[in-house]
PDB file of N, CA and C in Angstrom:
ATOM      1  N   MET A   1     155.424  54.893  50.272  1.00  0.00           N
ATOM      2  CA  MET A   1     156.856  54.714  50.130  1.00  0.00           C
ATOM      3  C   MET A   1     157.176  53.255  50.410  1.00  0.00           C
ATOM      4  N   LEU A   2     158.018  52.720  49.601  1.00  0.00           N
ATOM      5  CA  LEU A   2     158.477  51.348  49.729  1.00  0.00           C
ATOM      6  C   LEU A   2     160.003  51.362  49.701  1.00  0.00           C
ATOM      7  N   VAL A   3     160.637  50.703  50.667  1.00  0.00           N
ATOM      8  CA  VAL A   3     162.096  50.643  50.735  1.00  0.00           C
ATOM      9  C   VAL A   3     162.495  49.176  50.877  1.00  0.00           C
ATOM     10  N   VAL A   4     163.450  48.755  50.073  1.00  0.00           N
ATOM     11  CA  VAL A   4     164.021  47.410  50.172  1.00  0.00           C
ATOM     12  C   VAL A   4     165.530  47.565  50.341  1.00  0.00           C
ATOM     13  N   ILE A   5     166.064  46.893  51.341  1.00  0.00           N
ATOM     14  CA  ILE A   5     167.507  46.929  51.584  1.00  0.00           C
ATOM     15  C   ILE A   5     168.041  45.500  51.492  1.00  0.00           C
ATOM     16  N   LEU A   6     169.058  45.332  50.670  1.00  0.00           N
ATOM     17  CA  LEU A   6     169.680  44.018  50.476  1.00  0.00           C
ATOM     18  C   LEU A   6     171.115  44.046  50.975  1.00  0.00           C
ATOM     19  N   GLU A   7     171.548  42.949  51.599  1.00  0.00           N
ATOM     20  CA  GLU A   7     172.947  42.763  51.970  1.00  0.00           C
ATOM     21  C   GLU A   7     173.383  41.404  51.445  1.00  0.00           C
ATOM     22  N   ASN A   8     174.551  41.364  50.852  1.00  0.00           N
ATOM     23  CA  ASN A   8     175.120  40.123  50.315  1.00  0.00           C
ATOM     24  C   ASN A   8     174.171  39.413  49.351  1.00  0.00           C
ATOM     25  N   ALA A   9     173.459  40.178  48.568  1.00  0.00           N
ATOM     26  CA  ALA A   9     172.516  39.606  47.604  1.00  0.00           C
ATOM     27  C   ALA A   9     173.221  39.341  46.280  1.00  0.00           C
ATOM     28  N   PRO A  10     172.794  38.317  45.562  1.00  0.00           N
ATOM     29  CA  PRO A  10     173.383  38.026  44.264  1.00  0.00           C
ATOM     30  C   PRO A  10     173.116  39.188  43.284  1.00  0.00           C
ATOM     31  N   PRO A  11     174.063  39.452  42.392  1.00  0.00           N
ATOM     32  CA  PRO A  11     173.900  40.555  41.442  1.00  0.00           C
ATOM     33  C   PRO A  11     172.615  40.460  40.602  1.00  0.00           C
ATOM     34  N   ARG A  12     172.193  39.252  40.263  1.00  0.00           N
ATOM     35  CA  ARG A  12     170.987  39.130  39.439  1.00  0.00           C
ATOM     36  C   ARG A  12     169.746  39.619  40.189  1.00  0.00           C
ATOM     37  N   LEU A  13     169.711  39.430  41.520  1.00  0.00           N
ATOM     38  CA  LEU A  13     168.581  39.947  42.298  1.00  0.00           C
ATOM     39  C   LEU A  13     168.635  41.469  42.353  1.00  0.00           C
ATOM     40  N   ARG A  14     169.828  42.011  42.530  1.00  0.00           N
ATOM     41  CA  ARG A  14     169.966  43.473  42.562  1.00  0.00           C
ATOM     42  C   ARG A  14     169.530  44.075  41.235  1.00  0.00           C
ATOM     43  N   GLY A  15     169.915  43.444  40.148  1.00  0.00           N
ATOM     44  CA  GLY A  15     169.495  43.927  38.837  1.00  0.00           C
ATOM     45  C   GLY A  15     167.997  43.808  38.642  1.00  0.00           C
ATOM     46  N   ARG A  16     167.431  42.741  39.150  1.00  0.00           N
ATOM     47  CA  ARG A  16     165.986  42.530  39.009  1.00  0.00           C
ATOM     48  C   ARG A  16     165.211  43.607  39.779  1.00  0.00           C
ATOM     49  N   LEU A  17     165.671  43.932  40.982  1.00  0.00           N
ATOM     50  CA  LEU A  17     164.986  44.979  41.757  1.00  0.00           C
ATOM     51  C   LEU A  17     165.082  46.337  41.083  1.00  0.00           C
ATOM     52  N   ALA A  18     166.196  46.570  40.391  1.00  0.00           N
ATOM     53  CA  ALA A  18     166.379  47.860  39.729  1.00  0.00           C
ATOM     54  C   ALA A  18     165.372  48.079  38.600  1.00  0.00           C
ATOM     55  N   ILE A  19     164.690  47.020  38.169  1.00  0.00           N
ATOM     56  CA  ILE A  19     163.636  47.178  37.157  1.00  0.00           C
ATOM     57  C   ILE A  19     162.467  47.957  37.747  1.00  0.00           C
ATOM     58  N   TRP A  20     162.134  47.696  39.012  1.00  0.00           N
ATOM     59  CA  TRP A  20     160.944  48.308  39.627  1.00  0.00           C
ATOM     60  C   TRP A  20     161.265  49.476  40.547  1.00  0.00           C
ATOM     61  N   LEU A  21     162.445  49.456  41.145  1.00  0.00           N
ATOM     62  CA  LEU A  21     162.771  50.434  42.183  1.00  0.00           C
ATOM     63  C   LEU A  21     164.050  51.190  41.825  1.00  0.00           C
ATOM     64  N   LEU A  22     164.201  52.375  42.400  1.00  0.00           N
ATOM     65  CA  LEU A  22     165.396  53.182  42.192  1.00  0.00           C
ATOM     66  C   LEU A  22     166.437  52.810  43.244  1.00  0.00           C
ATOM     67  N   GLU A  23     167.649  52.443  42.802  1.00  0.00           N
ATOM     68  CA  GLU A  23     168.720  52.091  43.740  1.00  0.00           C
ATOM     69  C   GLU A  23     169.446  53.373  44.111  1.00  0.00           C
ATOM     70  N   VAL A  24     169.147  53.918  45.303  1.00  0.00           N
ATOM     71  CA  VAL A  24     169.707  55.203  45.717  1.00  0.00           C
ATOM     72  C   VAL A  24     171.087  55.065  46.360  1.00  0.00           C
ATOM     73  N   ARG A  25     171.391  53.907  46.890  1.00  0.00           N
ATOM     74  CA  ARG A  25     172.713  53.545  47.408  1.00  0.00           C
ATOM     75  C   ARG A  25     172.884  52.060  47.109  1.00  0.00           C
ATOM     76  N   ALA A  26     174.085  51.558  47.251  1.00  0.00           N
ATOM     77  CA  ALA A  26     174.304  50.137  46.988  1.00  0.00           C
ATOM     78  C   ALA A  26     173.389  49.297  47.875  1.00  0.00           C
ATOM     79  N   GLY A  27     172.480  48.582  47.275  1.00  0.00           N
ATOM     80  CA  GLY A  27     171.589  47.691  48.010  1.00  0.00           C
ATOM     81  C   GLY A  27     170.371  48.356  48.624  1.00  0.00           C
ATOM     82  N   VAL A  28     170.172  49.651  48.413  1.00  0.00           N
ATOM     83  CA  VAL A  28     169.018  50.374  48.978  1.00  0.00           C
ATOM     84  C   VAL A  28     168.118  50.829  47.823  1.00  0.00           C
ATOM     85  N   TYR A  29     166.897  50.307  47.800  1.00  0.00           N
ATOM     86  CA  TYR A  29     165.966  50.554  46.710  1.00  0.00           C
ATOM     87  C   TYR A  29     164.720  51.248  47.257  1.00  0.00           C
ATOM     88  N   VAL A  30     164.224  52.247  46.524  1.00  0.00           N
ATOM     89  CA  VAL A  30     163.015  52.941  46.949  1.00  0.00           C
ATOM     90  C   VAL A  30     162.041  53.028  45.780  1.00  0.00           C
ATOM     91  N   GLY A  31     160.770  53.116  46.138  1.00  0.00           N
ATOM     92  CA  GLY A  31     159.720  53.257  45.140  1.00  0.00           C
ATOM     93  C   GLY A  31     158.392  53.508  45.830  1.00  0.00           C
ATOM     94  N   GLU A  32     157.349  53.585  45.028  1.00  0.00           N
ATOM     95  CA  GLU A  32     156.009  53.824  45.553  1.00  0.00           C
ATOM     96  C   GLU A  32     155.064  52.873  44.830  1.00  0.00           C
ATOM     97  N   TYR A  33     154.677  51.810  45.511  1.00  0.00           N
ATOM     98  CA  TYR A  33     153.791  50.819  44.920  1.00  0.00           C
ATOM     99  C   TYR A  33     152.743  50.385  45.932  1.00  0.00           C
ATOM    100  N   GLY A  34     151.681  49.814  45.421  1.00  0.00           N
ATOM    101  CA  GLY A  34     150.631  49.269  46.267  1.00  0.00           C
ATOM    102  C   GLY A  34     150.964  47.864  46.745  1.00  0.00           C
ATOM    103  N   ARG A  35     150.004  47.277  47.449  1.00  0.00           N
ATOM    104  CA  ARG A  35     150.210  45.979  48.089  1.00  0.00           C
ATOM    105  C   ARG A  35     150.578  44.871  47.102  1.00  0.00           C
ATOM    106  N   LYS A  36     149.873  44.778  45.985  1.00  0.00           N
ATOM    107  CA  LYS A  36     150.115  43.673  45.049  1.00  0.00           C
ATOM    108  C   LYS A  36     151.536  43.692  44.499  1.00  0.00           C
ATOM    109  N   VAL A  37     151.993  44.860  44.061  1.00  0.00           N
ATOM    110  CA  VAL A  37     153.349  44.945  43.507  1.00  0.00           C
ATOM    111  C   VAL A  37     154.376  44.741  44.619  1.00  0.00           C
ATOM    112  N   ARG A  38     154.106  45.287  45.811  1.00  0.00           N
ATOM    113  CA  ARG A  38     155.026  45.095  46.943  1.00  0.00           C
ATOM    114  C   ARG A  38     155.180  43.601  47.237  1.00  0.00           C
ATOM    115  N   GLU A  39     154.075  42.876  47.277  1.00  0.00           N
ATOM    116  CA  GLU A  39     154.141  41.440  47.545  1.00  0.00           C
ATOM    117  C   GLU A  39     154.875  40.707  46.428  1.00  0.00           C
ATOM    118  N   TYR A  40     154.688  41.148  45.194  1.00  0.00           N
ATOM    119  CA  TYR A  40     155.401  40.525  44.079  1.00  0.00           C
ATOM    120  C   TYR A  40     156.901  40.765  44.203  1.00  0.00           C
ATOM    121  N   ILE A  41     157.282  42.011  44.519  1.00  0.00           N
ATOM    122  CA  ILE A  41     158.698  42.347  44.676  1.00  0.00           C
ATOM    123  C   ILE A  41     159.304  41.524  45.813  1.00  0.00           C
ATOM    124  N   TRP A  42     158.598  41.400  46.939  1.00  0.00           N
ATOM    125  CA  TRP A  42     159.111  40.636  48.079  1.00  0.00           C
ATOM    126  C   TRP A  42     159.224  39.162  47.731  1.00  0.00           C
ATOM    127  N   ALA A  43     158.309  38.650  46.938  1.00  0.00           N
ATOM    128  CA  ALA A  43     158.411  37.257  46.493  1.00  0.00           C
ATOM    129  C   ALA A  43     159.668  37.057  45.643  1.00  0.00           C
ATOM    130  N   GLN A  44     159.989  38.047  44.816  1.00  0.00           N
ATOM    131  CA  GLN A  44     161.211  37.980  44.016  1.00  0.00           C
ATOM    132  C   GLN A  44     162.445  37.984  44.922  1.00  0.00           C
ATOM    133  N   VAL A  45     162.419  38.819  45.961  1.00  0.00           N
ATOM    134  CA  VAL A  45     163.539  38.877  46.908  1.00  0.00           C
ATOM    135  C   VAL A  45     163.665  37.544  47.640  1.00  0.00           C
ATOM    136  N   THR A  46     162.550  37.013  48.114  1.00  0.00           N
ATOM    137  CA  THR A  46     162.544  35.735  48.845  1.00  0.00           C
ATOM    138  C   THR A  46     163.125  34.617  47.993  1.00  0.00           C
ATOM    139  N   GLU A  47     162.752  34.609  46.739  1.00  0.00           N
ATOM    140  CA  GLU A  47     163.204  33.564  45.826  1.00  0.00           C
ATOM    141  C   GLU A  47     164.687  33.693  45.474  1.00  0.00           C
ATOM    142  N   GLY A  48     165.202  34.931  45.426  1.00  0.00           N
ATOM    143  CA  GLY A  48     166.551  35.117  44.921  1.00  0.00           C
ATOM    144  C   GLY A  48     167.606  35.513  45.934  1.00  0.00           C
ATOM    145  N   ILE A  49     167.283  35.614  47.226  1.00  0.00           N
ATOM    146  CA  ILE A  49     168.228  36.169  48.196  1.00  0.00           C
ATOM    147  C   ILE A  49     169.389  35.225  48.501  1.00  0.00           C
ATOM    148  N   GLU A  50     169.201  33.932  48.349  1.00  0.00           N
ATOM    149  CA  GLU A  50     170.229  32.930  48.652  1.00  0.00           C
ATOM    150  C   GLU A  50     170.766  33.111  50.072  1.00  0.00           C
ATOM    151  N   ASP A  51     172.088  33.371  50.259  1.00  0.00           N
ATOM    152  CA  ASP A  51     172.665  33.491  51.600  1.00  0.00           C
ATOM    153  C   ASP A  51     172.666  34.924  52.137  1.00  0.00           C
ATOM    154  N   GLY A  52     172.110  35.856  51.396  1.00  0.00           N
ATOM    155  CA  GLY A  52     172.075  37.252  51.840  1.00  0.00           C
ATOM    156  C   GLY A  52     170.935  37.497  52.805  1.00  0.00           C
ATOM    157  N   ASN A  53     170.707  38.765  53.108  1.00  0.00           N
ATOM    158  CA  ASN A  53     169.568  39.118  53.934  1.00  0.00           C
ATOM    159  C   ASN A  53     168.931  40.383  53.398  1.00  0.00           C
ATOM    160  N   ALA A  54     167.665  40.589  53.766  1.00  0.00           N
ATOM    161  CA  ALA A  54     166.911  41.707  53.210  1.00  0.00           C
ATOM    162  C   ALA A  54     165.881  42.196  54.203  1.00  0.00           C
ATOM    163  N   VAL A  55     165.494  43.427  54.032  1.00  0.00           N
ATOM    164  CA  VAL A  55     164.380  43.994  54.783  1.00  0.00           C
ATOM    165  C   VAL A  55     163.548  44.820  53.803  1.00  0.00           C
ATOM    166  N   ILE A  56     162.239  44.759  53.975  1.00  0.00           N
ATOM    167  CA  ILE A  56     161.328  45.576  53.194  1.00  0.00           C
ATOM    168  C   ILE A  56     160.507  46.406  54.175  1.00  0.00           C
ATOM    169  N   ILE A  57     160.370  47.687  53.885  1.00  0.00           N
ATOM    170  CA  ILE A  57     159.645  48.619  54.751  1.00  0.00           C
ATOM    171  C   ILE A  57     158.634  49.360  53.878  1.00  0.00           C
ATOM    172  N   TRP A  58     157.408  49.477  54.361  1.00  0.00           N
ATOM    173  CA  TRP A  58     156.405  50.221  53.602  1.00  0.00           C
ATOM    174  C   TRP A  58     155.510  51.019  54.547  1.00  0.00           C
ATOM    175  N   ARG A  59     154.934  52.046  53.995  1.00  0.00           N
ATOM    176  CA  ARG A  59     154.043  52.901  54.776  1.00  0.00           C
ATOM    177  C   ARG A  59     152.779  52.118  55.110  1.00  0.00           C
ATOM    178  N   ALA A  60     152.368  52.199  56.383  1.00  0.00           N
ATOM    179  CA  ALA A  60     151.163  51.519  56.841  1.00  0.00           C
ATOM    180  C   ALA A  60     150.480  52.448  57.850  1.00  0.00           C
ATOM    181  N   PRO A  61     149.660  53.377  57.382  1.00  0.00           N
ATOM    182  CA  PRO A  61     149.070  54.382  58.270  1.00  0.00           C
ATOM    183  C   PRO A  61     148.292  53.797  59.446  1.00  0.00           C
ATOM    184  N   GLY A  62     147.745  52.594  59.329  1.00  0.00           N
ATOM    185  CA  GLY A  62     146.980  51.995  60.413  1.00  0.00           C
ATOM    186  C   GLY A  62     147.833  51.423  61.539  1.00  0.00           C
ATOM    187  N   GLN A  63     149.132  51.326  61.340  1.00  0.00           N
ATOM    188  CA  GLN A  63     150.027  50.770  62.349  1.00  0.00           C
ATOM    189  C   GLN A  63     150.480  51.857  63.322  1.00  0.00           C
ATOM    190  N   GLU A  64     150.821  51.438  64.532  1.00  0.00           N
ATOM    191  CA  GLU A  64     151.261  52.378  65.567  1.00  0.00           C
ATOM    192  C   GLU A  64     152.435  53.237  65.083  1.00  0.00           C
ATOM    193  N   ALA A  65     153.404  52.614  64.443  1.00  0.00           N
ATOM    194  CA  ALA A  65     154.596  53.326  63.989  1.00  0.00           C
ATOM    195  C   ALA A  65     154.389  54.030  62.649  1.00  0.00           C
ATOM    196  N   GLY A  66     153.316  53.707  61.950  1.00  0.00           N
ATOM    197  CA  GLY A  66     153.071  54.315  60.648  1.00  0.00           C
ATOM    198  C   GLY A  66     153.745  53.573  59.508  1.00  0.00           C
ATOM    199  N   PHE A  67     154.434  52.500  59.831  1.00  0.00           N
ATOM    200  CA  PHE A  67     155.069  51.690  58.799  1.00  0.00           C
ATOM    201  C   PHE A  67     155.062  50.246  59.245  1.00  0.00           C
ATOM    202  N   GLU A  68     155.328  49.377  58.304  1.00  0.00           N
ATOM    203  CA  GLU A  68     155.414  47.943  58.568  1.00  0.00           C
ATOM    204  C   GLU A  68     156.677  47.434  57.889  1.00  0.00           C
ATOM    205  N   PHE A  69     157.210  46.311  58.364  1.00  0.00           N
ATOM    206  CA  PHE A  69     158.402  45.761  57.726  1.00  0.00           C
ATOM    207  C   PHE A  69     158.447  44.252  57.876  1.00  0.00           C
ATOM    208  N   GLU A  70     159.213  43.631  57.004  1.00  0.00           N
ATOM    209  CA  GLU A  70     159.506  42.206  57.070  1.00  0.00           C
ATOM    210  C   GLU A  70     160.996  42.032  56.837  1.00  0.00           C
ATOM    211  N   THR A  71     161.535  40.969  57.384  1.00  0.00           N
ATOM    212  CA  THR A  71     162.954  40.688  57.176  1.00  0.00           C
ATOM    213  C   THR A  71     163.112  39.291  56.607  1.00  0.00           C
ATOM    214  N   LEU A  72     164.272  39.061  56.076  1.00  0.00           N
ATOM    215  CA  LEU A  72     164.570  37.778  55.456  1.00  0.00           C
ATOM    216  C   LEU A  72     166.064  37.532  55.568  1.00  0.00           C
ATOM    217  N   GLY A  73     166.457  36.319  55.933  1.00  0.00           N
ATOM    218  CA  GLY A  73     167.869  35.973  56.010  1.00  0.00           C
ATOM    219  C   GLY A  73     168.436  36.188  57.403  1.00  0.00           C
ATOM    220  N   HIS A  74     169.677  35.795  57.558  1.00  0.00           N
ATOM    221  CA  HIS A  74     170.350  35.847  58.856  1.00  0.00           C
ATOM    222  C   HIS A  74     170.805  37.267  59.154  1.00  0.00           C
ATOM    223  N   ASN A  75     170.426  37.767  60.341  1.00  0.00           N
ATOM    224  CA  ASN A  75     170.851  39.085  60.790  1.00  0.00           C
ATOM    225  C   ASN A  75     170.754  39.113  62.306  1.00  0.00           C
ATOM    226  N   ARG A  76     171.604  39.900  62.958  1.00  0.00           N
ATOM    227  CA  ARG A  76     171.569  39.981  64.424  1.00  0.00           C
ATOM    228  C   ARG A  76     170.399  40.824  64.913  1.00  0.00           C
ATOM    229  N   ARG A  77     169.790  41.580  64.067  1.00  0.00           N
ATOM    230  CA  ARG A  77     168.589  42.340  64.431  1.00  0.00           C
ATOM    231  C   ARG A  77     167.381  41.470  64.106  1.00  0.00           C
ATOM    232  N   VAL A  78     166.643  41.121  65.161  1.00  0.00           N
ATOM    233  CA  VAL A  78     165.542  40.191  65.024  1.00  0.00           C
ATOM    234  C   VAL A  78     164.226  40.889  65.358  1.00  0.00           C
ATOM    235  N   PRO A  79     163.262  40.895  64.429  1.00  0.00           N
ATOM    236  CA  PRO A  79     161.958  41.486  64.743  1.00  0.00           C
ATOM    237  C   PRO A  79     161.250  40.696  65.833  1.00  0.00           C
ATOM    238  N   VAL A  80     160.639  41.405  66.767  1.00  0.00           N
ATOM    239  CA  VAL A  80     159.854  40.777  67.832  1.00  0.00           C
ATOM    240  C   VAL A  80     158.548  41.562  67.995  1.00  0.00           C
ATOM    241  N   GLN A  81     157.518  40.857  68.421  1.00  0.00           N
ATOM    242  CA  GLN A  81     156.218  41.478  68.678  1.00  0.00           C
ATOM    243  C   GLN A  81     156.110  41.736  70.176  1.00  0.00           C
ATOM    244  N   MET A  82     155.843  42.982  70.575  1.00  0.00           N
ATOM    245  CA  MET A  82     155.733  43.308  71.991  1.00  0.00           C
ATOM    246  C   MET A  82     154.535  44.232  72.190  1.00  0.00           C
ATOM    247  N   ASP A  83     153.544  43.761  72.927  1.00  0.00           N
ATOM    248  CA  ASP A  83     152.315  44.533  73.183  1.00  0.00           C
ATOM    249  C   ASP A  83     151.681  45.028  71.891  1.00  0.00           C
ATOM    250  N   GLY A  84     151.698  44.201  70.884  1.00  0.00           N
ATOM    251  CA  GLY A  84     151.061  44.541  69.624  1.00  0.00           C
ATOM    252  C   GLY A  84     151.885  45.431  68.712  1.00  0.00           C
ATOM    253  N   VAL A  85     153.094  45.751  69.134  1.00  0.00           N
ATOM    254  CA  VAL A  85     153.968  46.603  68.323  1.00  0.00           C
ATOM    255  C   VAL A  85     155.169  45.779  67.898  1.00  0.00           C
ATOM    256  N   LYS A  86     155.519  45.879  66.643  1.00  0.00           N
ATOM    257  CA  LYS A  86     156.694  45.165  66.149  1.00  0.00           C
ATOM    258  C   LYS A  86     157.930  46.003  66.439  1.00  0.00           C
ATOM    259  N   LEU A  87     158.863  45.409  67.183  1.00  0.00           N
ATOM    260  CA  LEU A  87     160.120  46.068  67.535  1.00  0.00           C
ATOM    261  C   LEU A  87     161.274  45.219  67.008  1.00  0.00           C
ATOM    262  N   VAL A  88     162.490  45.664  67.258  1.00  0.00           N
ATOM    263  CA  VAL A  88     163.670  44.934  66.806  1.00  0.00           C
ATOM    264  C   VAL A  88     164.597  44.704  67.995  1.00  0.00           C
ATOM    265  N   GLU A  89     164.945  43.445  68.226  1.00  0.00           N
ATOM    266  CA  GLU A  89     165.946  43.093  69.227  1.00  0.00           C
ATOM    267  C   GLU A  89     167.291  42.962  68.533  1.00  0.00           C
ATOM    268  N   PHE A  90     168.325  43.332  69.255  1.00  0.00           N
ATOM    269  CA  PHE A  90     169.673  43.182  68.730  1.00  0.00           C
ATOM    270  C   PHE A  90     170.401  42.147  69.572  1.00  0.00           C
ATOM    271  N   HIS A  91     170.948  41.146  68.927  1.00  0.00           N
ATOM    272  CA  HIS A  91     171.654  40.076  69.620  1.00  0.00           C
ATOM    273  C   HIS A  91     173.112  40.044  69.173  1.00  0.00           C
ATOM    274  N   ALA A  92     173.986  39.864  70.157  1.00  0.00           N
ATOM    275  CA  ALA A  92     175.349  39.519  69.793  1.00  0.00           C
ATOM    276  C   ALA A  92     175.273  38.143  69.146  1.00  0.00           C
ATOM    277  N   GLU A  93     176.102  37.873  68.212  1.00  0.00           N
ATOM    278  CA  GLU A  93     176.004  36.610  67.460  1.00  0.00           C
ATOM    279  C   GLU A  93     175.961  35.403  68.392  1.00  0.00           C
ATOM    280  N   ALA A  94     176.788  35.399  69.443  1.00  0.00           N
ATOM    281  CA  ALA A  94     176.843  34.259  70.344  1.00  0.00           C
ATOM    282  C   ALA A  94     175.663  34.234  71.317  1.00  0.00           C
ATOM    283  N   ALA A  95     174.917  35.326  71.442  1.00  0.00           N
ATOM    284  CA  ALA A  95     173.853  35.399  72.436  1.00  0.00           C
ATOM    285  C   ALA A  95     172.469  35.142  71.855  1.00  0.00           C
ATOM    286  N   LEU A  96     172.377  34.683  70.644  1.00  0.00           N
ATOM    287  CA  LEU A  96     171.064  34.387  70.078  1.00  0.00           C
ATOM    288  C   LEU A  96     170.409  33.285  70.900  1.00  0.00           C
ATOM    289  N   PRO A  97     169.140  33.470  71.310  1.00  0.00           N
ATOM    290  CA  PRO A  97     168.464  32.452  72.108  1.00  0.00           C
ATOM    291  C   PRO A  97     168.414  31.113  71.379  1.00  0.00           C
ATOM    292  N   GLN A  98     168.473  30.023  72.179  1.00  0.00           N
ATOM    293  CA  GLN A  98     168.400  28.689  71.611  1.00  0.00           C
ATOM    294  C   GLN A  98     167.108  28.524  70.822  1.00  0.00           C
ATOM    295  N   GLY A  99     167.210  27.940  69.703  1.00  0.00           N
ATOM    296  CA  GLY A  99     166.035  27.637  68.904  1.00  0.00           C
ATOM    297  C   GLY A  99     165.523  28.796  68.078  1.00  0.00           C
ATOM    298  N   ILE A 100     166.068  29.994  68.247  1.00  0.00           N
ATOM    299  CA  ILE A 100     165.617  31.133  67.448  1.00  0.00           C
ATOM    300  C   ILE A 100     166.614  31.366  66.335  1.00  0.00           C
ATOM    301  N   ARG A 101     166.133  31.236  65.160  1.00  0.00           N
ATOM    302  CA  ARG A 101     166.945  31.572  64.001  1.00  0.00           C
ATOM    303  C   ARG A 101     166.521  32.952  63.554  1.00  0.00           C
ATOM    304  N   PRO A 102     167.444  33.907  63.470  1.00  0.00           N
ATOM    305  CA  PRO A 102     167.091  35.275  63.116  1.00  0.00           C
ATOM    306  C   PRO A 102     166.316  35.380  61.813  1.00  0.00           C
ATOM    307  N   ASP A 103     166.562  34.495  60.896  1.00  0.00           N
ATOM    308  CA  ASP A 103     165.876  34.577  59.613  1.00  0.00           C
ATOM    309  C   ASP A 103     164.458  34.042  59.685  1.00  0.00           C
ATOM    310  N   LYS A 104     164.073  33.424  60.809  1.00  0.00           N
ATOM    311  CA  LYS A 104     162.739  32.846  60.935  1.00  0.00           C
ATOM    312  C   LYS A 104     161.933  33.474  62.076  1.00  0.00           C
ATOM    313  N   ALA A 105     162.408  34.573  62.649  1.00  0.00           N
ATOM    314  CA  ALA A 105     161.772  35.130  63.841  1.00  0.00           C
ATOM    315  C   ALA A 105     160.336  35.583  63.580  1.00  0.00           C
ATOM    316  N   LEU A 106     160.075  36.427  62.618  1.00  0.00           N
ATOM    317  CA  LEU A 106     158.721  36.897  62.309  1.00  0.00           C
ATOM    318  C   LEU A 106     158.488  36.879  60.830  1.00  0.00           C
TER     319      LEU A 106
END
Protein backbone atom coordinates (compact mmCIF):
# COMPACT_ATOMS: atom_id res chain seq x y z
CA MET A 1 0.00 0.00 0.00
CA LEU A 2 1.23 3.43 -0.91
CA VAL A 3 -0.42 6.64 0.36
CA VAL A 4 0.47 10.20 -0.64
CA ILE A 5 -1.15 13.18 1.06
CA LEU A 6 -0.78 16.68 -0.37
CA GLU A 7 -1.69 20.02 1.21
CA ASN A 8 -1.65 23.31 -0.69
CA ALA A 9 -0.21 21.58 -3.74
CA PRO A 10 -0.46 23.10 -7.21
CA PRO A 11 -3.28 21.64 -9.34
CA ARG A 12 -0.82 20.33 -11.95
CA LEU A 13 0.88 18.16 -9.30
CA ARG A 14 -2.48 16.83 -8.12
CA GLY A 15 -3.39 15.98 -11.69
CA ARG A 16 -0.04 14.33 -12.25
CA LEU A 17 -0.46 12.09 -9.19
CA ALA A 18 -3.91 11.09 -10.37
CA ILE A 19 -2.23 9.38 -13.35
CA TRP A 20 -0.67 6.76 -11.04
CA LEU A 21 -2.77 6.82 -7.89
CA LEU A 22 -6.46 6.93 -6.97
CA GLU A 23 -7.51 10.20 -5.29
CA VAL A 24 -9.90 8.95 -2.60
CA ARG A 25 -10.30 12.38 -0.94
CA ALA A 26 -9.03 15.82 -1.88
CA GLY A 27 -5.25 15.50 -1.74
CA VAL A 28 -5.22 11.85 -0.55
CA TYR A 29 -3.88 9.35 -3.08
CA VAL A 30 -3.57 5.58 -2.70
CA GLY A 31 -2.05 2.83 -4.79
CA GLU A 32 0.09 -0.28 -4.73
CA TYR A 33 3.54 0.06 -6.26
CA GLY A 34 7.06 -1.17 -5.67
CA ARG A 35 10.11 0.82 -4.66
CA LYS A 36 11.09 2.13 -8.11
CA VAL A 37 7.67 3.59 -8.93
CA ARG A 38 7.29 4.92 -5.36
CA GLU A 39 10.61 6.74 -5.67
CA TYR A 40 9.60 8.10 -9.07
CA ILE A 41 6.27 9.36 -7.70
CA TRP A 42 8.03 10.99 -4.71
CA ALA A 43 10.52 12.65 -7.05
CA GLN A 44 7.56 14.11 -8.96
CA VAL A 45 6.07 15.39 -5.68
CA THR A 46 9.43 16.86 -4.59
CA GLU A 47 9.82 18.64 -7.90
CA GLY A 48 6.28 20.03 -8.03
CA ILE A 49 5.21 20.74 -4.43
CA GLU A 50 6.30 24.42 -4.43
CA ASP A 51 5.00 26.00 -1.16
CA GLY A 52 2.78 23.06 -0.19
CA ASN A 53 3.61 20.06 1.93
CA ALA A 54 3.35 16.32 1.45
CA VAL A 55 3.77 13.00 3.15
CA ILE A 56 4.28 9.60 1.57
CA ILE A 57 3.60 6.39 3.52
CA TRP A 58 4.33 2.86 2.35
CA ARG A 59 4.26 -0.62 3.77
CA ALA A 60 7.65 -1.72 5.13
CA PRO A 61 7.33 -5.11 6.86
CA GLY A 62 10.93 -4.94 8.17
CA GLN A 63 10.25 -1.76 10.17
CA GLU A 64 9.06 -1.75 13.78
CA ALA A 65 5.81 0.00 12.86
CA GLY A 66 5.31 -1.97 9.64
CA PHE A 67 5.41 1.16 7.54
CA GLU A 68 7.79 3.92 6.56
CA PHE A 69 7.17 7.55 5.65
CA GLU A 70 8.81 10.71 4.39
CA THR A 71 7.64 14.29 4.59
CA LEU A 72 8.23 17.34 2.50
CA GLY A 73 7.46 21.02 3.06
CA HIS A 74 6.60 23.10 6.10
CA ASN A 75 4.43 21.40 8.72
CA ARG A 76 4.19 21.53 12.52
CA ARG A 77 4.48 17.74 12.67
CA VAL A 78 8.17 16.96 12.41
CA PRO A 79 9.55 13.42 11.97
CA VAL A 80 12.18 12.50 14.56
CA GLN A 81 14.29 9.38 15.08
CA MET A 82 14.10 7.98 18.62
CA ASP A 83 15.78 4.69 19.62
CA GLY A 84 15.74 3.56 16.02
CA VAL A 85 12.04 4.27 15.55
CA LYS A 86 10.74 7.13 13.47
CA LEU A 87 8.17 9.14 15.43
CA VAL A 88 6.46 12.49 14.92
CA GLU A 89 6.84 15.54 17.15
CA PHE A 90 4.20 18.21 17.15
CA HIS A 91 5.31 21.81 17.59
CA ALA A 92 3.31 24.92 18.09
CA GLU A 93 4.39 27.23 15.29
CA ALA A 94 6.20 29.58 17.69
CA ALA A 95 7.86 26.72 19.59
CA LEU A 96 9.86 25.20 16.75
CA PRO A 97 13.44 24.68 17.99
CA GLN A 98 16.04 27.13 16.69
CA GLY A 99 17.70 25.94 13.56
CA ILE A 100 15.14 23.21 12.84
CA ARG A 101 13.12 23.71 9.75
CA PRO A 102 10.18 21.29 9.70
CA ASP A 103 10.64 20.68 6.01
CA LYS A 104 14.26 19.58 6.54
CA ALA A 105 13.97 17.49 9.72
CA LEU A 106 14.36 13.97 8.24
